Each structure stands twice: as structure tokens, then as C-alpha cells.
Protein backbone atom coordinates (compact mmCIF):
# COMPACT_ATOMS: atom_id res chain seq x y z
CA MET A 1 -32.09 -63.27 -11.87
CA GLY A 2 -29.30 -60.85 -13.09
CA GLY A 3 -31.99 -59.20 -15.14
CA VAL A 4 -34.23 -58.65 -12.25
CA TYR A 5 -31.51 -57.19 -10.10
CA ALA A 6 -30.52 -54.91 -12.91
CA LEU A 7 -34.00 -53.54 -13.55
CA ALA A 8 -34.69 -52.79 -9.91
CA ALA A 9 -31.23 -51.32 -9.35
CA PHE A 10 -31.73 -49.02 -12.37
CA GLY A 11 -34.66 -47.68 -10.57
CA LEU A 12 -32.67 -47.11 -7.39
CA SER A 13 -29.86 -45.45 -9.48
CA ILE A 14 -32.26 -42.89 -11.05
CA VAL A 15 -33.80 -41.95 -7.77
CA PHE A 16 -30.41 -41.52 -6.18
CA GLY A 17 -28.83 -39.75 -8.96
CA VAL A 18 -31.70 -37.24 -9.49
CA LEU A 19 -33.13 -36.66 -6.03
CA ASN A 20 -30.12 -37.57 -3.83
CA VAL A 21 -32.39 -39.86 -2.04
CA LEU A 22 -31.34 -43.38 -0.86
CA ASN A 23 -34.59 -45.07 -0.76
CA ILE A 24 -33.97 -48.13 1.69
CA ALA A 25 -37.53 -49.21 1.03
CA HIS A 26 -36.69 -49.94 -2.67
CA GLY A 27 -36.55 -53.70 -1.98
CA GLU A 28 -39.98 -53.47 -0.38
CA PHE A 29 -41.49 -52.10 -3.61
CA LEU A 30 -40.20 -55.17 -5.39
CA MET A 31 -41.77 -57.43 -2.61
CA LEU A 32 -45.06 -55.53 -2.89
CA GLY A 33 -44.96 -55.78 -6.84
CA ALA A 34 -44.47 -59.41 -6.44
CA LEU A 35 -47.31 -59.79 -3.93
CA GLY A 36 -49.62 -57.80 -6.12
CA ALA A 37 -48.80 -59.80 -9.17
CA TYR A 38 -49.38 -62.96 -7.19
CA LEU A 39 -52.82 -61.86 -5.85
CA ILE A 40 -53.97 -60.69 -9.31
CA TYR A 41 -52.93 -64.00 -10.78
CA VAL A 42 -54.72 -65.95 -8.11
CA ALA A 43 -57.86 -63.82 -8.62
CA THR A 44 -57.84 -63.66 -12.41
CA GLY A 45 -55.43 -66.27 -13.95
CA LEU A 46 -53.99 -63.61 -16.32
CA ASN A 47 -50.67 -64.05 -18.04
CA PRO A 48 -47.86 -62.51 -15.84
CA PHE A 49 -46.68 -60.36 -18.73
CA ILE A 50 -50.15 -58.85 -18.91
CA ILE A 51 -50.20 -58.42 -15.16
CA ILE A 52 -47.26 -55.98 -15.66
CA LEU A 53 -49.60 -53.64 -17.40
CA LEU A 54 -51.87 -53.48 -14.45
CA ILE A 55 -49.05 -53.20 -11.74
CA ILE A 56 -47.46 -50.01 -13.38
CA PRO A 57 -50.51 -47.82 -12.76
CA ILE A 58 -51.08 -49.18 -9.36
CA PHE A 59 -47.47 -48.43 -8.26
CA ALA A 60 -47.43 -45.15 -10.05
CA LEU A 61 -50.18 -43.97 -7.68
CA PHE A 62 -48.61 -45.62 -4.55
CA SER A 63 -45.23 -44.19 -5.24
CA TRP A 64 -46.62 -40.64 -5.80
CA ILE A 65 -48.39 -40.85 -2.45
CA PHE A 66 -45.19 -42.20 -0.88
CA GLN A 67 -43.03 -39.42 -2.34
CA ARG A 68 -45.62 -36.74 -1.44
CA LEU A 69 -45.84 -37.78 2.14
CA LEU A 70 -42.33 -39.07 3.08
CA ILE A 71 -39.84 -37.69 0.55
CA ARG A 72 -41.08 -34.23 -0.49
CA PRO A 73 -41.13 -32.88 3.06
CA ILE A 74 -37.25 -33.41 3.42
CA LYS A 75 -36.39 -31.47 0.33
CA GLY A 76 -35.02 -27.90 0.63
CA LYS A 77 -32.13 -28.99 3.01
CA THR A 78 -28.55 -29.45 2.22
CA GLU A 79 -27.49 -32.56 0.31
CA THR A 80 -26.09 -34.22 3.39
CA GLU A 81 -29.15 -33.56 5.30
CA ILE A 82 -31.36 -34.81 2.56
CA LEU A 83 -29.37 -38.01 2.23
CA ILE A 84 -29.35 -38.71 5.81
CA ALA A 85 -33.08 -37.98 6.35
CA SER A 86 -34.03 -40.05 3.24
CA ILE A 87 -32.14 -43.07 4.76
CA LEU A 88 -33.86 -42.76 8.14
CA VAL A 89 -37.39 -42.10 6.70
CA THR A 90 -37.25 -44.83 4.17
CA LEU A 91 -35.62 -47.34 6.62
CA GLY A 92 -38.71 -46.71 8.98
CA ALA A 93 -41.05 -47.06 5.98
CA SER A 94 -39.39 -50.38 5.06
CA LEU A 95 -39.80 -51.74 8.51
CA LEU A 96 -43.49 -50.71 8.56
CA ILE A 97 -44.14 -52.28 5.14
CA GLU A 98 -42.62 -55.42 6.32
CA ASP A 99 -44.56 -55.68 9.40
CA VAL A 100 -47.89 -54.77 7.82
CA THR A 101 -47.25 -57.40 5.12
CA PHE A 102 -46.28 -59.99 7.55
CA PHE A 103 -49.50 -59.29 9.54
CA PHE A 104 -51.71 -60.08 6.66
CA TRP A 105 -49.51 -62.82 5.03
CA PRO A 106 -47.37 -64.26 7.79
CA LYS A 107 -46.16 -67.13 5.58
CA SER A 108 -44.09 -66.85 2.55
CA PHE A 109 -46.23 -67.02 -0.71
CA THR A 110 -45.22 -69.31 -3.52
CA SER A 111 -44.19 -68.27 -6.95
CA ILE A 112 -46.76 -67.84 -9.70
CA PRO A 113 -47.52 -71.33 -11.21
CA TYR A 114 -47.07 -70.22 -14.71
CA SER A 115 -44.65 -72.00 -17.18
CA LEU A 116 -43.79 -72.22 -20.85
CA PRO A 117 -42.23 -74.89 -22.91
CA THR A 118 -38.47 -75.55 -22.46
CA LEU A 119 -36.14 -74.70 -25.23
CA HIS A 120 -33.67 -77.39 -26.09
CA LEU A 121 -30.35 -76.64 -27.58
CA GLY A 122 -28.40 -79.91 -27.82
CA LYS A 123 -27.89 -81.00 -23.95
CA VAL A 124 -28.60 -77.46 -22.84
CA MET A 125 -32.16 -76.76 -21.61
CA ILE A 126 -33.33 -73.06 -21.41
CA PRO A 127 -36.64 -72.18 -19.67
CA THR A 128 -38.31 -69.84 -22.23
CA LEU A 129 -40.12 -68.13 -19.42
CA ARG A 130 -36.70 -66.97 -18.07
CA LEU A 131 -35.63 -66.07 -21.55
CA TYR A 132 -38.64 -64.04 -22.41
CA GLY A 133 -38.32 -62.39 -18.91
CA LEU A 134 -34.76 -61.24 -19.61
CA GLY A 135 -35.68 -60.00 -23.06
CA ILE A 136 -38.42 -57.87 -21.71
CA ILE A 137 -36.23 -56.59 -18.98
CA VAL A 138 -33.59 -55.62 -21.38
CA VAL A 139 -36.12 -53.88 -23.74
CA LEU A 140 -37.83 -52.13 -20.92
CA THR A 141 -34.49 -50.85 -19.65
CA VAL A 142 -33.35 -49.55 -23.02
CA VAL A 143 -36.74 -47.82 -23.55
CA VAL A 144 -36.56 -46.16 -20.10
CA GLY A 145 -33.00 -45.13 -20.94
CA LEU A 146 -33.91 -43.72 -24.34
CA PHE A 147 -36.92 -41.74 -22.65
CA LEU A 148 -34.51 -40.21 -20.12
CA LYS A 149 -31.99 -39.27 -22.91
CA HIS A 150 -34.19 -37.97 -25.68
CA SER A 151 -37.44 -36.84 -24.24
CA TYR A 152 -38.31 -33.43 -23.02
CA THR A 153 -39.11 -34.91 -19.58
CA GLY A 154 -35.95 -36.90 -19.66
CA ARG A 155 -33.83 -33.80 -20.34
CA ALA A 156 -35.67 -32.02 -17.46
CA ILE A 157 -34.86 -35.01 -15.20
CA ARG A 158 -31.19 -34.83 -16.20
CA ALA A 159 -31.15 -30.99 -15.65
CA VAL A 160 -32.45 -31.47 -12.00
CA ALA A 161 -29.83 -34.14 -11.53
CA GLN A 162 -27.12 -31.84 -12.68
CA ASN A 163 -28.15 -28.58 -10.83
CA VAL A 164 -31.64 -28.36 -9.25
CA ASP A 165 -31.18 -24.55 -8.58
CA GLY A 166 -30.17 -23.99 -12.36
CA ALA A 167 -33.09 -26.12 -13.43
CA GLN A 168 -35.51 -23.86 -11.46
CA VAL A 169 -33.97 -20.72 -13.04
CA VAL A 170 -34.71 -21.87 -16.36
CA GLY A 171 -38.33 -22.90 -15.63
CA VAL A 172 -38.11 -26.59 -14.91
CA PRO A 173 -40.96 -27.69 -12.55
CA THR A 174 -38.56 -29.44 -10.19
CA ARG A 175 -41.29 -30.76 -7.84
CA LYS A 176 -43.10 -32.44 -10.68
CA ILE A 177 -39.93 -33.85 -11.98
CA ALA A 178 -38.89 -35.10 -8.59
CA ALA A 179 -42.35 -36.89 -8.19
CA MET A 180 -42.06 -38.36 -11.75
CA THR A 181 -38.48 -39.57 -11.16
CA PHE A 182 -39.60 -41.35 -7.95
CA VAL A 183 -42.43 -42.84 -9.77
CA ILE A 184 -40.39 -44.26 -12.55
CA GLY A 185 -37.90 -45.77 -10.05
CA THR A 186 -40.57 -47.35 -8.00
CA CYS A 187 -42.48 -48.85 -11.09
CA LEU A 188 -39.22 -50.46 -12.24
CA ALA A 189 -38.89 -52.21 -8.83
CA ALA A 190 -42.49 -53.29 -8.95
CA VAL A 191 -42.19 -54.63 -12.40
CA ALA A 192 -39.06 -56.46 -11.34
CA GLY A 193 -41.10 -58.03 -8.66
CA VAL A 194 -43.39 -59.52 -11.07
CA PHE A 195 -40.52 -61.31 -12.78
CA TYR A 196 -39.27 -62.33 -9.63
CA VAL A 197 -42.39 -64.13 -8.33
CA THR A 198 -42.58 -66.04 -11.66
CA LEU A 199 -39.27 -67.68 -10.62
CA TYR A 200 -39.21 -67.75 -6.77
CA SER A 201 -41.33 -67.70 -3.74
CA MET A 202 -41.50 -64.59 -1.70
CA THR A 203 -41.38 -63.62 1.98
CA PRO A 204 -42.49 -60.30 3.64
CA TYR A 205 -38.97 -59.67 5.11
CA MET A 206 -37.03 -60.10 1.97
CA GLY A 207 -36.90 -56.41 1.02
CA LEU A 208 -33.83 -55.03 2.91
CA PRO A 209 -31.44 -57.73 1.71
CA LEU A 210 -32.45 -56.99 -1.81
CA THR A 211 -31.98 -53.27 -1.17
CA VAL A 212 -28.41 -54.04 -0.22
CA LYS A 213 -27.85 -56.00 -3.51
CA TYR A 214 -29.31 -53.01 -5.51
CA MET A 215 -26.84 -50.59 -3.82
CA VAL A 216 -24.02 -53.01 -4.65
CA ILE A 217 -25.16 -53.09 -8.29
CA VAL A 218 -25.42 -49.23 -8.39
CA ILE A 219 -21.81 -48.91 -6.98
CA MET A 220 -20.52 -51.63 -9.27
CA GLY A 221 -21.87 -50.10 -12.33
CA GLY A 222 -21.44 -46.50 -11.66
CA LEU A 223 -23.91 -43.71 -11.46
CA GLY A 224 -25.23 -41.75 -14.46
CA GLY A 225 -25.47 -44.57 -17.04
CA LEU A 226 -27.82 -47.21 -18.48
CA THR A 227 -25.18 -49.75 -19.35
CA GLY A 228 -23.59 -49.80 -15.73
CA PRO A 229 -26.55 -51.23 -13.63
CA LEU A 230 -27.72 -53.51 -16.40
CA ALA A 231 -24.17 -55.16 -16.71
CA ALA A 232 -23.44 -55.11 -13.01
CA GLY A 233 -26.87 -56.77 -12.30
CA LEU A 234 -26.08 -59.52 -14.81
CA ILE A 235 -22.59 -60.03 -13.36
CA LEU A 236 -24.02 -60.27 -9.81
CA GLY A 237 -26.84 -62.74 -10.75
CA ILE A 238 -24.51 -64.97 -12.76
CA THR A 239 -21.79 -64.98 -10.05
CA GLU A 240 -24.40 -65.88 -7.37
CA THR A 241 -25.58 -68.73 -9.57
CA PHE A 242 -22.08 -70.20 -9.92
CA VAL A 243 -21.06 -69.77 -6.33
CA GLY A 244 -24.37 -71.36 -5.19
CA TYR A 245 -23.81 -74.38 -7.68
CA TYR A 246 -20.28 -75.02 -6.76
CA LEU A 247 -19.85 -73.93 -3.15
CA GLY A 248 -23.47 -74.31 -1.90
CA SER A 249 -26.44 -72.08 -1.75
CA VAL A 250 -25.48 -70.68 1.78
CA TRP A 251 -22.57 -68.96 0.15
CA ALA A 252 -24.45 -67.26 -2.61
CA PRO A 253 -25.90 -64.30 -0.62
CA ALA A 254 -22.37 -63.42 0.57
CA VAL A 255 -21.33 -62.63 -2.96
CA ALA A 256 -22.92 -59.23 -2.94
CA TYR A 257 -21.31 -58.20 0.32
CA ILE A 258 -17.84 -59.40 -0.85
CA ALA A 259 -18.13 -57.58 -4.11
CA PHE A 260 -19.36 -54.41 -2.30
CA ILE A 261 -16.13 -54.37 -0.07
CA ILE A 262 -13.73 -55.15 -3.09
CA ILE A 263 -15.30 -52.51 -5.38
CA LEU A 264 -15.06 -49.76 -2.69
CA LEU A 265 -11.49 -50.56 -2.11
CA VAL A 266 -10.33 -51.11 -5.66
CA ARG A 267 -12.58 -49.11 -7.97
CA PRO A 268 -14.97 -46.90 -5.92
CA GLN A 269 -16.23 -45.01 -9.07
CA GLY A 270 -17.58 -48.49 -10.32
CA LEU A 271 -16.80 -50.70 -13.24
CA PHE A 272 -18.26 -48.28 -15.68
CA GLY A 273 -18.18 -44.94 -13.82
CA LEU A 274 -15.68 -42.17 -14.22
CA LYS A 275 -13.59 -40.42 -11.70
CA GLU A 276 -14.40 -36.83 -10.83
């Protein structure tokens, strides 16, 4: 679960860090990715890890349309105006996605009934499905991080994040880079949804609470890095598990909100961020 949180939060961090857009509908993209994976599995019976390869192009197209219609029109304003407008626009989109999804699937849909043999290490039993999922999440996060750090497109994305006007002066196609950044962030959330639905059942209204958790992870990990969101996601997932086990499941959702308040008060730059 920590890996799922980290992967989706990494996508939110990229979009916010580059575009100054706080996408409140980010959790809905995970929910839609899970729903899409579930429907594909029911129709075809494909391995969930293969379904990921189908989900990525579908959500690349969906996120490009979403960015073109809702995000691109608010660009060209001041940073504060862009941030506020993005919150309002994506919040409205989030509510719309939830209601439309609920209209067609009014009940929660179960997890994908796919399993692998359990790994036994003495008295410890480790579900290999979760182990493989975590491994793929870590590899995917590292690959995206290396792409952003070493590729030409990645350097262009970093240039836009640092100074959009300067990037335009040196010939960076900022509109294309903005669209590509949003596509990458959305696809990461959709892929995280595939892993989520292999473990848990889904509901149409789970997106907003997940978005809050992603924001906590971004703040906890600090903007601008790869290690921060991954480590913060794992910390939050493990903490929720221990709290749910020892204090009861009703207390587990409160962990993110308590961590959110403590980090803002004690270390607002995040566990791995730097002061400016």
C-alpha cells in the first residue's frame, strides 16, 4: 500500500512542481485506473501486470484531453491565480467524475480475483503478489526519475519547472512539455490504481480522500526529488497498517491528517526537502 501511495503521489508531485497545478482530481485518476483494470480483467482475464500496458495508452489519451480542456486555459495567469484556478477546476472535475462513475457503477466493485503463491520465510508469510507489485512500483518510479533527470525531455521539464519564461526564451516548447508532464503524472496514478485493485475493493467516491493522502506524502517527502515521495509513501502505508492493527481500522485513516498537521508545524519543507 505504501508503494501504491508513493507512485500516485509521485505523479501529483511532478504536476504540481512543474505546472504549479494542484490536481484535486488526481485520486479520481487512480480510481478510474482501477475501474478500467477491473473491467479489462473481467472481459479478457489478462494478467494484471499485462493490463498495465493497456492502461497507460488509454490514460495518456484521457489525460491529454483533460489537460487540453481544463488545465491549459488557465495558464498565462499569475502563479497564485493558476494555483487557485487549478484547485477549483479540478475539484469540479473530481465531483463530476465521481457522480458519473456512481451513475454507471452505483456499488463498490471488488478487487481483481488474481493471486500468486505465498512466500514462506519461517513463520512469516509474504504474499508474492504484493511483493512483485512493490518491486514493479519501485522500478517504475526509478525509471521515470531517470527519464526526468537524463533525457532531453526530462531536462526540458526541469527547465519549465525552474523558470517557464526562461525555458521559452531558449526554445523549449512549453505547451507540449506541460501536456507531457500532466500525461506522465496521470499515468502514474492510473498504474497505481491497477495495483490497488489487485489488493482492495474500490468505490466511486474514494478519490478525494486519496488525493489528501497524496498531498500529505508530497509535503512529507518534499518537492523536487524522487526519494522523498517514495520514502514518504512507504512510511505512511506502514504507519497506517500498524495503527490499524494495534488501535483498530477506524483510526488508520486519521494517520494522514495527523501527519499533515505535524509536518506543517515542525518541518514544513518535508523530511527530505530543503529550506529556501
